[in-house]
Amino acid sequence: MNEQYLYTLSNITTEEMMFIKEIMQSLDADAKNKFMMIYSGKRRDPQHILFFGILGFFGIAGIQRFATNQIGMGILYFLTAGLCLIGTIIDLVNYKNLANEFNHKMALESRSFIELARS
């Protein structure tokens, strides 16, 4: 498969690209296309996580946690104003890590879905 599909993902990090290449290594062309369709719908752009974190300074803390399926932390951030803004600041510094962690989980989930469909 050409790597052109990876470049269609907006703001893809080098770490994410290497992880996806590793996951897709043993897939045939049709499975790779299906994987990319599933994965591209599930992944989160790191810039969106940054934007959601910035919203935490304007009274809507925790959206970045909800966007990465960390519902409990999202509720905690919402009720405590981003843990008195300290948690929000930490998330702003680590927004790429939050996005990469979520995207890795979604890539593995997408890969397992492809494996189930093949069976």
Protein backbone atom coordinates (compact mmCIF):
# COMPACT_ATOMS: atom_id res chain seq x y z
CA MET A 1 0.00 0.00 0.00
CA ASN A 2 1.17 3.48 -0.72
CA GLU A 3 1.64 5.72 2.25
CA GLN A 4 -0.68 8.28 0.64
CA TYR A 5 -3.53 7.18 2.90
CA LEU A 6 -1.55 8.14 5.98
CA TYR A 7 -1.02 11.65 4.69
CA THR A 8 -4.76 12.18 4.31
CA LEU A 9 -5.08 12.11 8.11
CA SER A 10 -4.92 15.67 9.36
CA ASN A 11 -2.04 16.61 11.65
CA ILE A 12 -0.74 13.06 11.94
CA THR A 13 2.27 12.79 14.22
CA THR A 14 5.37 10.76 13.39
CA GLU A 15 4.68 8.44 16.32
CA GLU A 16 1.13 7.80 15.13
CA MET A 17 2.29 7.20 11.55
CA MET A 18 4.88 4.63 12.62
CA PHE A 19 2.34 2.87 14.83
CA ILE A 20 -0.21 2.66 12.01
CA LYS A 21 2.41 1.36 9.56
CA GLU A 22 3.30 -1.36 12.06
CA ILE A 23 -0.35 -2.35 12.55
CA MET A 24 -1.08 -2.41 8.82
CA GLN A 25 2.05 -4.34 7.89
CA SER A 26 0.42 -7.76 7.51
CA LEU A 27 -2.83 -6.57 5.92
CA ASP A 28 -3.64 -6.95 2.24
CA ALA A 29 -4.66 -3.93 0.13
CA ASP A 30 -8.40 -4.38 0.65
CA ALA A 31 -8.02 -4.79 4.42
CA LYS A 32 -5.76 -1.72 4.53
CA ASN A 33 -8.42 0.36 2.79
CA LYS A 34 -11.08 -0.86 5.23
CA PHE A 35 -8.78 -0.20 8.17
CA MET A 36 -8.14 3.37 7.03
CA MET A 37 -11.85 4.02 6.54
CA ILE A 38 -12.65 2.79 10.06
CA TYR A 39 -9.64 4.39 11.73
CA SER A 40 -9.99 7.79 10.09
CA GLY A 41 -13.52 8.06 11.47
CA LYS A 42 -12.43 7.22 15.02
CA ARG A 43 -9.18 9.12 15.45
CA ARG A 44 -8.87 12.53 17.07
CA ASP A 45 -6.81 15.34 15.62
CA PRO A 46 -4.27 16.63 18.19
CA GLN A 47 -5.21 20.21 17.24
CA HIS A 48 -8.82 19.52 18.24
CA ILE A 49 -7.67 18.24 21.63
CA LEU A 50 -5.65 21.46 22.04
CA PHE A 51 -8.68 23.57 21.11
CA PHE A 52 -10.90 21.68 23.57
CA GLY A 53 -8.28 22.21 26.28
CA ILE A 54 -8.22 25.95 25.60
CA LEU A 55 -12.00 26.00 26.06
CA GLY A 56 -11.30 24.84 29.63
CA PHE A 57 -10.16 28.37 30.44
CA PHE A 58 -13.59 29.72 29.50
CA GLY A 59 -15.70 27.63 31.85
CA ILE A 60 -16.17 24.46 29.81
CA ALA A 61 -13.40 22.37 31.33
CA GLY A 62 -13.06 18.70 30.52
CA ILE A 63 -14.17 18.61 26.89
CA GLN A 64 -10.76 17.25 25.87
CA ARG A 65 -11.30 14.35 28.27
CA PHE A 66 -14.79 13.64 26.93
CA ALA A 67 -13.39 13.72 23.37
CA THR A 68 -10.85 11.03 24.29
CA ASN A 69 -13.49 8.81 25.94
CA GLN A 70 -12.27 9.54 29.47
CA ILE A 71 -15.77 10.24 30.74
CA GLY A 72 -14.95 10.05 34.46
CA MET A 73 -12.08 12.53 34.15
CA GLY A 74 -14.26 14.76 31.97
CA ILE A 75 -16.94 14.92 34.65
CA LEU A 76 -14.31 15.56 37.33
CA TYR A 77 -12.75 18.36 35.27
CA PHE A 78 -16.17 19.87 34.58
CA LEU A 79 -17.20 19.88 38.24
CA THR A 80 -13.85 21.15 39.57
CA ALA A 81 -13.15 23.74 36.83
CA GLY A 82 -10.35 21.64 35.38
CA LEU A 83 -9.05 20.73 38.84
CA CYS A 84 -8.70 24.45 39.55
CA LEU A 85 -7.15 24.95 36.10
CA ILE A 86 -4.08 22.88 37.02
CA GLY A 87 -5.36 19.79 35.17
CA THR A 88 -6.35 21.92 32.20
CA ILE A 89 -2.86 23.43 32.00
CA ILE A 90 -1.29 19.97 32.20
CA ASP A 91 -3.59 18.76 29.41
CA LEU A 92 -2.61 21.75 27.27
CA VAL A 93 1.05 20.84 27.66
CA ASN A 94 0.38 17.15 26.97
CA TYR A 95 -2.32 17.46 24.30
CA LYS A 96 -0.32 15.44 21.74
CA ASN A 97 0.13 12.61 24.24
CA LEU A 98 -3.61 12.59 24.96
CA ALA A 99 -4.38 12.40 21.25
CA ASN A 100 -1.71 9.76 20.55
CA GLU A 101 -2.89 7.56 23.42
CA PHE A 102 -6.49 7.74 22.19
CA ASN A 103 -5.49 7.19 18.56
CA HIS A 104 -3.41 4.13 19.47
CA LYS A 105 -6.42 2.60 21.19
CA MET A 106 -8.61 3.36 18.20
CA ALA A 107 -6.04 1.89 15.78
CA LEU A 108 -5.92 -1.34 17.78
CA GLU A 109 -9.70 -1.41 17.95
CA SER A 110 -9.96 -0.85 14.19
CA ARG A 111 -7.41 -3.58 13.54
CA SER A 112 -9.30 -6.05 15.73
CA PHE A 113 -12.51 -5.15 13.89
CA ILE A 114 -10.81 -5.96 10.57
CA GLU A 115 -9.58 -9.27 12.00
CA LEU A 116 -13.11 -10.15 13.13
CA ALA A 117 -14.52 -9.29 9.71
CA ARG A 118 -11.96 -11.57 8.03
CA SER A 119 -12.98 -14.56 10.17
